[in-house]
PDB file of N, CA and C in Angstrom:
ATOM      1  N   UNK A   1       6.285   0.876 -12.687  1.00  0.00           N
ATOM      2  CA  UNK A   1       7.142   1.221 -11.901  1.00  0.00           C
ATOM      3  C   UNK A   1       6.648   1.186 -10.816  1.00  0.00           C
ATOM      4  N   UNK A   2       7.286   0.331  -9.642  1.00  0.00           N
ATOM      5  CA  UNK A   2       7.050   0.272  -8.172  1.00  0.00           C
ATOM      6  C   UNK A   2       6.984   1.869  -7.285  1.00  0.00           C
ATOM      7  N   UNK A   3       6.123   1.678  -6.364  1.00  0.00           N
ATOM      8  CA  UNK A   3       6.030   2.922  -5.622  1.00  0.00           C
ATOM      9  C   UNK A   3       6.169   2.241  -4.110  1.00  0.00           C
ATOM     10  N   UNK A   4       7.577   2.964  -3.520  1.00  0.00           N
ATOM     11  CA  UNK A   4       7.533   2.340  -2.420  1.00  0.00           C
ATOM     12  C   UNK A   4       7.726   3.498  -1.181  1.00  0.00           C
ATOM     13  N   UNK A   5       7.006   3.046  -0.020  1.00  0.00           N
ATOM     14  CA  UNK A   5       6.996   3.819   1.374  1.00  0.00           C
ATOM     15  C   UNK A   5       8.283   3.875   1.964  1.00  0.00           C
ATOM     16  N   UNK A   6       8.681   5.157   2.560  1.00  0.00           N
ATOM     17  CA  UNK A   6       9.894   5.200   3.416  1.00  0.00           C
ATOM     18  C   UNK A   6       9.491   5.878   4.477  1.00  0.00           C
ATOM     19  N   UNK A   7      10.196   6.137   5.473  1.00  0.00           N
ATOM     20  CA  UNK A   7      10.160   6.740   6.847  1.00  0.00           C
ATOM     21  C   UNK A   7      11.405   7.346   7.086  1.00  0.00           C
ATOM     22  N   UNK A   8      11.537   8.551   7.196  1.00  0.00           N
ATOM     23  CA  UNK A   8      12.807   9.483   7.213  1.00  0.00           C
ATOM     24  C   UNK A   8      13.339   9.093   8.392  1.00  0.00           C
ATOM     25  N   UNK A   9      14.761   8.526   8.413  1.00  0.00           N
ATOM     26  CA  UNK A   9      15.456   8.303   9.653  1.00  0.00           C
ATOM     27  C   UNK A   9      15.748   9.948  10.494  1.00  0.00           C
ATOM     28  N   UNK A  10      15.782  11.020   9.765  1.00  0.00           N
ATOM     29  CA  UNK A  10      15.953  12.279  10.509  1.00  0.00           C
ATOM     30  C   UNK A  10      14.862  12.619  11.176  1.00  0.00           C
ATOM     31  N   UNK A  11      13.554  12.829  10.537  1.00  0.00           N
ATOM     32  CA  UNK A  11      12.480  13.556  10.829  1.00  0.00           C
ATOM     33  C   UNK A  11      11.220  12.658  11.301  1.00  0.00           C
ATOM     34  N   UNK A  12      11.456  11.328  10.904  1.00  0.00           N
ATOM     35  CA  UNK A  12      10.085  10.284  11.050  1.00  0.00           C
ATOM     36  C   UNK A  12       8.832  10.531   9.872  1.00  0.00           C
ATOM     37  N   UNK A  13       9.192  11.493   9.226  1.00  0.00           N
ATOM     38  CA  UNK A  13       8.568  11.981   8.209  1.00  0.00           C
ATOM     39  C   UNK A  13       7.759  10.708   7.258  1.00  0.00           C
ATOM     40  N   UNK A  14       6.804  10.341   7.510  1.00  0.00           N
ATOM     41  CA  UNK A  14       6.535   9.145   6.158  1.00  0.00           C
ATOM     42  C   UNK A  14       6.146   9.403   4.799  1.00  0.00           C
ATOM     43  N   UNK A  15       6.456   8.902   3.701  1.00  0.00           N
ATOM     44  CA  UNK A  15       6.197   9.615   2.547  1.00  0.00           C
ATOM     45  C   UNK A  15       6.458   8.324   1.330  1.00  0.00           C
ATOM     46  N   UNK A  16       5.931   8.395   0.191  1.00  0.00           N
ATOM     47  CA  UNK A  16       6.036   7.332  -0.891  1.00  0.00           C
ATOM     48  C   UNK A  16       6.695   7.933  -2.074  1.00  0.00           C
ATOM     49  N   UNK A  17       7.405   7.425  -2.804  1.00  0.00           N
ATOM     50  CA  UNK A  17       8.036   7.641  -3.900  1.00  0.00           C
ATOM     51  C   UNK A  17       7.922   6.496  -5.251  1.00  0.00           C
ATOM     52  N   UNK A  18       7.747   7.148  -6.144  1.00  0.00           N
ATOM     53  CA  UNK A  18       8.009   6.329  -7.429  1.00  0.00           C
ATOM     54  C   UNK A  18       9.423   5.879  -7.907  1.00  0.00           C
ATOM     55  N   UNK A  19       9.650   4.490  -8.038  1.00  0.00           N
ATOM     56  CA  UNK A  19      10.959   4.128  -8.068  1.00  0.00           C
ATOM     57  C   UNK A  19      11.375   4.186  -9.546  1.00  0.00           C
ATOM     58  N   UNK A  20      11.913   4.632 -10.375  1.00  0.00           N
ATOM     59  CA  UNK A  20      12.213   4.678 -11.661  1.00  0.00           C
ATOM     60  C   UNK A  20      13.412   3.627 -11.438  1.00  0.00           C
ATOM     61  N   UNK A  21      14.579   4.191 -10.932  1.00  0.00           N
ATOM     62  CA  UNK A  21      15.784   3.687 -11.054  1.00  0.00           C
ATOM     63  C   UNK A  21      16.216   3.509  -9.515  1.00  0.00           C
ATOM     64  N   UNK A  22      16.817   2.210  -9.153  1.00  0.00           N
ATOM     65  CA  UNK A  22      17.099   1.617  -7.793  1.00  0.00           C
ATOM     66  C   UNK A  22      18.235   2.679  -7.061  1.00  0.00           C
ATOM     67  N   UNK A  23      18.941   3.020  -7.824  1.00  0.00           N
ATOM     68  CA  UNK A  23      20.204   3.854  -7.620  1.00  0.00           C
ATOM     69  C   UNK A  23      19.811   4.914  -7.093  1.00  0.00           C
ATOM     70  N   UNK A  24      18.738   5.778  -7.653  1.00  0.00           N
ATOM     71  CA  UNK A  24      18.264   7.051  -7.548  1.00  0.00           C
ATOM     72  C   UNK A  24      18.489   6.962  -5.883  1.00  0.00           C
ATOM     73  N   UNK A  25      18.913   8.526  -5.813  1.00  0.00           N
ATOM     74  CA  UNK A  25      18.821   9.123  -4.200  1.00  0.00           C
ATOM     75  C   UNK A  25      17.576   9.534  -3.660  1.00  0.00           C
ATOM     76  N   UNK A  26      17.003   8.689  -2.601  1.00  0.00           N
ATOM     77  CA  UNK A  26      15.559   9.164  -1.788  1.00  0.00           C
ATOM     78  C   UNK A  26      16.252  10.198  -1.059  1.00  0.00           C
ATOM     79  N   UNK A  27      15.304  11.682  -0.942  1.00  0.00           N
ATOM     80  CA  UNK A  27      14.678  12.669  -0.299  1.00  0.00           C
ATOM     81  C   UNK A  27      13.916  13.052   0.360  1.00  0.00           C
ATOM     82  N   UNK A  28      13.611  13.176   1.703  1.00  0.00           N
ATOM     83  CA  UNK A  28      12.609  13.602   2.567  1.00  0.00           C
ATOM     84  C   UNK A  28      11.994  14.664   1.918  1.00  0.00           C
ATOM     85  N   UNK A  29      10.909  14.786   1.892  1.00  0.00           N
ATOM     86  CA  UNK A  29      10.103  15.955   1.441  1.00  0.00           C
ATOM     87  C   UNK A  29      10.042  17.335   2.442  1.00  0.00           C
ATOM     88  N   UNK A  30      10.147  16.790   3.704  1.00  0.00           N
ATOM     89  CA  UNK A  30       9.978  17.401   4.935  1.00  0.00           C
ATOM     90  C   UNK A  30      11.461  18.087   5.123  1.00  0.00           C
ATOM     91  N   UNK A  31      12.782  17.562   5.577  1.00  0.00           N
ATOM     92  CA  UNK A  31      13.478  17.971   6.084  1.00  0.00           C
ATOM     93  C   UNK A  31      14.567  17.466   4.894  1.00  0.00           C
ATOM     94  N   UNK A  32      14.427  17.209   4.136  1.00  0.00           N
ATOM     95  CA  UNK A  32      15.187  17.108   2.932  1.00  0.00           C
ATOM     96  C   UNK A  32      16.358  16.016   3.026  1.00  0.00           C
ATOM     97  N   UNK A  33      16.588  15.316   4.079  1.00  0.00           N
ATOM     98  CA  UNK A  33      17.656  14.374   4.606  1.00  0.00           C
ATOM     99  C   UNK A  33      17.574  13.270   3.502  1.00  0.00           C
ATOM    100  N   UNK A  34      18.573  12.587   3.456  1.00  0.00           N
ATOM    101  CA  UNK A  34      18.884  11.643   2.472  1.00  0.00           C
ATOM    102  C   UNK A  34      18.648  10.143   3.253  1.00  0.00           C
ATOM    103  N   UNK A  35      18.560  10.501   3.978  1.00  0.00           N
ATOM    104  CA  UNK A  35      18.578   9.022   5.362  1.00  0.00           C
ATOM    105  C   UNK A  35      17.335   8.548   5.285  1.00  0.00           C
ATOM    106  N   UNK A  36      16.601   7.415   4.525  1.00  0.00           N
ATOM    107  CA  UNK A  36      15.430   6.869   5.030  1.00  0.00           C
ATOM    108  C   UNK A  36      14.951   5.415   4.814  1.00  0.00           C
ATOM    109  N   UNK A  37      14.492   4.893   5.689  1.00  0.00           N
ATOM    110  CA  UNK A  37      14.388   3.537   5.505  1.00  0.00           C
ATOM    111  C   UNK A  37      13.464   3.060   4.968  1.00  0.00           C
ATOM    112  N   UNK A  38      13.111   2.289   4.052  1.00  0.00           N
ATOM    113  CA  UNK A  38      11.845   1.238   3.327  1.00  0.00           C
ATOM    114  C   UNK A  38      11.220   0.851   3.994  1.00  0.00           C
ATOM    115  N   UNK A  39       9.981   0.852   4.149  1.00  0.00           N
ATOM    116  CA  UNK A  39       9.149  -0.100   4.793  1.00  0.00           C
ATOM    117  C   UNK A  39       7.945  -0.598   4.280  1.00  0.00           C
ATOM    118  N   UNK A  40       7.888  -1.618   4.990  1.00  0.00           N
ATOM    119  CA  UNK A  40       6.976  -3.029   4.217  1.00  0.00           C
ATOM    120  C   UNK A  40       5.711  -2.827   3.974  1.00  0.00           C
ATOM    121  N   UNK A  41       5.168  -2.501   2.794  1.00  0.00           N
ATOM    122  CA  UNK A  41       4.022  -2.403   2.421  1.00  0.00           C
ATOM    123  C   UNK A  41       2.977  -3.192   2.278  1.00  0.00           C
ATOM    124  N   UNK A  42       1.730  -2.894   2.373  1.00  0.00           N
ATOM    125  CA  UNK A  42       0.637  -3.942   2.407  1.00  0.00           C
ATOM    126  C   UNK A  42      -0.213  -3.396   1.187  1.00  0.00           C
ATOM    127  N   UNK A  43      -0.541  -4.364   0.184  1.00  0.00           N
ATOM    128  CA  UNK A  43      -1.261  -3.796  -0.966  1.00  0.00           C
ATOM    129  C   UNK A  43      -2.453  -4.586  -1.086  1.00  0.00           C
ATOM    130  N   UNK A  44      -3.676  -3.790  -1.954  1.00  0.00           N
ATOM    131  CA  UNK A  44      -4.679  -4.206  -1.716  1.00  0.00           C
ATOM    132  C   UNK A  44      -4.794  -5.303  -3.254  1.00  0.00           C
ATOM    133  N   UNK A  45      -5.884  -6.315  -3.216  1.00  0.00           N
ATOM    134  CA  UNK A  45      -6.105  -7.091  -4.591  1.00  0.00           C
ATOM    135  C   UNK A  45      -7.792  -7.205  -5.045  1.00  0.00           C
ATOM    136  N   UNK A  46      -7.884  -7.314  -6.012  1.00  0.00           N
ATOM    137  CA  UNK A  46      -9.392  -6.875  -6.384  1.00  0.00           C
ATOM    138  C   UNK A  46      -9.868  -8.334  -6.482  1.00  0.00           C
ATOM    139  N   UNK A  47     -10.420  -8.771  -5.593  1.00  0.00           N
ATOM    140  CA  UNK A  47     -11.297  -9.955  -5.455  1.00  0.00           C
ATOM    141  C   UNK A  47     -10.566 -11.118  -4.924  1.00  0.00           C
ATOM    142  N   UNK A  48     -11.343 -12.248  -4.640  1.00  0.00           N
ATOM    143  CA  UNK A  48     -10.356 -13.502  -3.985  1.00  0.00           C
ATOM    144  C   UNK A  48     -10.405 -14.462  -5.002  1.00  0.00           C
ATOM    145  N   UNK A  49     -10.910 -14.413  -5.880  1.00  0.00           N
ATOM    146  CA  UNK A  49     -11.052 -15.610  -6.965  1.00  0.00           C
ATOM    147  C   UNK A  49     -12.399 -16.563  -6.826  1.00  0.00           C
ATOM    148  N   UNK A  50     -12.724 -16.248  -5.727  1.00  0.00           N
ATOM    149  CA  UNK A  50     -14.103 -17.059  -5.681  1.00  0.00           C
ATOM    150  C   UNK A  50     -15.336 -16.406  -5.710  1.00  0.00           C
ATOM    151  N   UNK A  51     -16.263 -17.183  -6.613  1.00  0.00           N
ATOM    152  CA  UNK A  51     -17.666 -16.475  -7.108  1.00  0.00           C
ATOM    153  C   UNK A  51     -18.820 -17.663  -6.983  1.00  0.00           C
ATOM    154  N   UNK A  52     -19.784 -16.955  -6.843  1.00  0.00           N
ATOM    155  CA  UNK A  52     -21.320 -17.691  -6.766  1.00  0.00           C
ATOM    156  C   UNK A  52     -21.277 -18.091  -8.562  1.00  0.00           C
ATOM    157  N   UNK A  53     -22.119 -19.028  -8.642  1.00  0.00           N
ATOM    158  CA  UNK A  53     -22.510 -19.441  -9.715  1.00  0.00           C
ATOM    159  C   UNK A  53     -23.214 -18.414 -11.019  1.00  0.00           C
ATOM    160  N   UNK A  54     -23.931 -17.614 -10.339  1.00  0.00           N
ATOM    161  CA  UNK A  54     -24.208 -16.571 -11.047  1.00  0.00           C
ATOM    162  C   UNK A  54     -23.062 -15.629 -11.722  1.00  0.00           C
ATOM    163  N   UNK A  55     -22.063 -15.567 -11.174  1.00  0.00           N
ATOM    164  CA  UNK A  55     -20.553 -14.516 -11.597  1.00  0.00           C
ATOM    165  C   UNK A  55     -20.462 -13.495 -10.639  1.00  0.00           C
ATOM    166  N   UNK A  56     -21.297 -13.374  -9.583  1.00  0.00           N
ATOM    167  CA  UNK A  56     -21.156 -11.981  -8.554  1.00  0.00           C
ATOM    168  C   UNK A  56     -19.929 -12.818  -7.488  1.00  0.00           C
ATOM    169  N   UNK A  57     -19.727 -11.707  -6.719  1.00  0.00           N
ATOM    170  CA  UNK A  57     -19.029 -12.259  -5.429  1.00  0.00           C
ATOM    171  C   UNK A  57     -19.959 -13.013  -4.550  1.00  0.00           C
ATOM    172  N   UNK A  58     -19.433 -13.680  -3.370  1.00  0.00           N
ATOM    173  CA  UNK A  58     -20.118 -14.286  -2.780  1.00  0.00           C
ATOM    174  C   UNK A  58     -21.025 -13.362  -1.472  1.00  0.00           C
ATOM    175  N   UNK A  59     -19.851 -12.494  -1.165  1.00  0.00           N
ATOM    176  CA  UNK A  59     -20.458 -11.466   0.023  1.00  0.00           C
ATOM    177  C   UNK A  59     -20.528 -11.820   1.192  1.00  0.00           C
ATOM    178  N   UNK A  60     -20.671 -12.624   1.634  1.00  0.00           N
ATOM    179  CA  UNK A  60     -20.015 -13.420   3.239  1.00  0.00           C
ATOM    180  C   UNK A  60     -19.235 -13.541   3.707  1.00  0.00           C
ATOM    181  N   UNK A  61     -17.920 -13.575   2.841  1.00  0.00           N
ATOM    182  CA  UNK A  61     -16.825 -14.019   3.352  1.00  0.00           C
ATOM    183  C   UNK A  61     -16.274 -13.019   4.307  1.00  0.00           C
ATOM    184  N   UNK A  62     -16.725 -11.859   5.086  1.00  0.00           N
ATOM    185  CA  UNK A  62     -15.927 -10.842   5.728  1.00  0.00           C
ATOM    186  C   UNK A  62     -14.747 -10.356   5.145  1.00  0.00           C
ATOM    187  N   UNK A  63     -14.364  -9.354   5.992  1.00  0.00           N
ATOM    188  CA  UNK A  63     -13.531  -8.561   5.474  1.00  0.00           C
ATOM    189  C   UNK A  63     -14.295  -7.256   4.693  1.00  0.00           C
ATOM    190  N   UNK A  64     -13.398  -6.094   4.305  1.00  0.00           N
ATOM    191  CA  UNK A  64     -14.089  -4.824   4.018  1.00  0.00           C
ATOM    192  C   UNK A  64     -15.072  -5.317   2.753  1.00  0.00           C
ATOM    193  N   UNK A  65     -16.490  -5.122   2.710  1.00  0.00           N
ATOM    194  CA  UNK A  65     -17.027  -5.124   1.500  1.00  0.00           C
ATOM    195  C   UNK A  65     -17.194  -6.275   1.144  1.00  0.00           C
ATOM    196  N   UNK A  66     -16.923  -7.090   2.068  1.00  0.00           N
ATOM    197  CA  UNK A  66     -17.197  -8.676   2.236  1.00  0.00           C
ATOM    198  C   UNK A  66     -18.571  -9.278   3.018  1.00  0.00           C
ATOM    199  N   UNK A  67     -19.112  -8.302   3.641  1.00  0.00           N
ATOM    200  CA  UNK A  67     -20.182  -8.631   4.708  1.00  0.00           C
ATOM    201  C   UNK A  67     -19.776  -8.332   6.086  1.00  0.00           C
ATOM    202  N   UNK A  68     -18.461  -8.155   6.445  1.00  0.00           N
ATOM    203  CA  UNK A  68     -18.075  -8.370   7.807  1.00  0.00           C
ATOM    204  C   UNK A  68     -17.632  -6.843   8.631  1.00  0.00           C
ATOM    205  N   UNK A  69     -17.357  -5.748   7.719  1.00  0.00           N
ATOM    206  CA  UNK A  69     -17.007  -4.697   8.306  1.00  0.00           C
ATOM    207  C   UNK A  69     -18.143  -3.598   8.509  1.00  0.00           C
ATOM    208  N   UNK A  70     -19.171  -3.748   7.968  1.00  0.00           N
ATOM    209  CA  UNK A  70     -20.582  -2.839   7.924  1.00  0.00           C
ATOM    210  C   UNK A  70     -20.251  -1.782   7.541  1.00  0.00           C
ATOM    211  N   UNK A  71     -19.512  -1.478   6.240  1.00  0.00           N
ATOM    212  CA  UNK A  71     -19.288  -0.292   5.516  1.00  0.00           C
ATOM    213  C   UNK A  71     -20.449   0.311   4.817  1.00  0.00           C
ATOM    214  N   UNK A  72     -21.579  -0.971   4.312  1.00  0.00           N
ATOM    215  CA  UNK A  72     -22.460  -0.603   3.367  1.00  0.00           C
ATOM    216  C   UNK A  72     -23.807  -1.141   4.110  1.00  0.00           C
TER     217      UNK A  72
END
């Protein structure tokens, strides 16, 4: 079941909906408008497929938790 992101055309509220049936009507949770535009969403992936010989992640490739974001 995909989760889609929408923005209400009436009040600009951003919301997400799990869509089981593509013909189902989408309703804004804030103003109850039935006019919403689907947003292009970005998704995360687990790992990049590259690892060092010991089986761990290389750790220096940049990006969050890859050494470039200073989060750890």
